[in-house]
Protein backbone atom coordinates (compact mmCIF):
# COMPACT_ATOMS: atom_id res chain seq x y z
CA MET A 1 91.24 87.19 143.44
CA LYS A 2 87.42 87.22 142.14
CA LYS A 3 83.98 86.85 143.33
CA LEU A 4 81.88 84.95 141.77
CA THR A 5 78.04 84.35 143.61
CA ILE A 6 75.89 81.98 143.04
CA SER A 7 71.93 81.21 145.32
CA ILE A 8 71.28 77.61 147.31
CA ALA A 9 68.52 76.82 149.09
CA ALA A 10 67.16 80.66 148.95
CA LYS A 11 71.40 82.09 150.24
CA ARG A 12 73.38 83.87 148.34
CA TYR A 13 77.18 83.01 148.75
CA ASP A 14 80.14 84.81 147.74
CA ILE A 15 83.23 82.57 146.60
CA SER A 16 86.46 83.58 146.27
CA VAL A 17 88.74 82.03 143.59
CA SER A 18 91.74 82.76 142.36
CA ASP A 19 92.13 84.96 138.60
CA GLU A 20 93.61 82.01 137.43
CA PHE A 21 91.24 79.57 138.61
CA ALA A 22 87.84 81.46 137.94
CA LYS A 23 87.47 81.28 134.26
CA GLU A 24 87.42 77.64 134.41
CA PHE A 25 85.69 77.33 137.51
CA ALA A 26 82.67 79.51 136.74
CA ARG A 27 82.00 78.22 133.28
CA GLU A 28 81.34 74.12 135.51
CA ILE A 29 79.20 76.55 137.48
CA GLU A 30 77.15 77.22 134.66
CA LYS A 31 77.06 74.02 133.36
CA THR A 32 75.87 73.01 136.94
CA PHE A 33 73.52 75.57 138.18
CA THR A 34 71.23 78.12 137.31
CA LYS A 35 72.55 81.87 136.63
CA LYS A 36 69.25 83.19 137.89
CA GLY A 37 66.48 81.52 140.34
CA ASN A 38 67.85 79.58 143.27
CA ASN A 39 69.18 75.87 143.00
CA ASP A 40 68.10 73.33 145.31
CA VAL A 41 70.63 71.45 148.31
CA LYS A 42 69.94 68.57 145.87
CA THR A 43 71.55 70.14 142.86
CA LEU A 44 74.72 70.78 144.55
CA LEU A 45 75.06 67.58 146.26
CA SER A 46 74.61 66.06 142.92
CA ALA A 47 77.41 68.38 141.38
CA TYR A 48 79.27 66.92 144.30
CA VAL A 49 79.51 64.02 143.73
CA LYS A 50 80.15 64.05 140.45
CA LYS A 51 83.32 66.10 140.75
CA SER A 52 83.96 63.64 143.60
CA TYR A 53 84.07 60.89 140.83
CA GLU A 54 85.36 62.28 138.20
CA LYS A 55 88.69 62.40 140.97
CA PHE A 56 88.29 59.20 141.94
CA LEU A 57 88.65 58.17 138.09
CA LEU A 58 91.63 60.74 138.12
CA GLU A 59 93.15 59.00 140.44
CA LYS A 60 93.22 56.19 139.48
CA GLU A 61 94.01 57.67 136.24
CA ILE A 62 97.48 58.91 137.83
CA ALA A 63 98.31 56.08 139.81
CA SER A 64 98.21 53.34 136.71
CA ILE A 65 100.22 55.44 135.10
CA SER A 66 102.98 55.29 137.88
CA GLU A 67 103.22 51.62 137.91
CA LYS A 68 103.60 51.95 134.12
CA LEU A 69 106.45 54.40 134.51
CA ASP A 70 108.22 52.06 137.72
CA GLY A 71 107.81 49.85 135.27
CA LYS A 72 105.59 47.02 137.65
């Protein structure tokens, strides 16, 4: 397990993720949040909405591919 730390609303949070996932997760965190200083709750909410939308699009794509494979 790898520990990553992020600061949101003047509080530090340690997040433990698997070693396999840590590199990609750290890359995503660095794109969205500032490494030094504080991140506000609005930034966190925006990141959540963005990832939720990406998940929605991927699920639609999976469903479409599945339908094609089923011959529907």
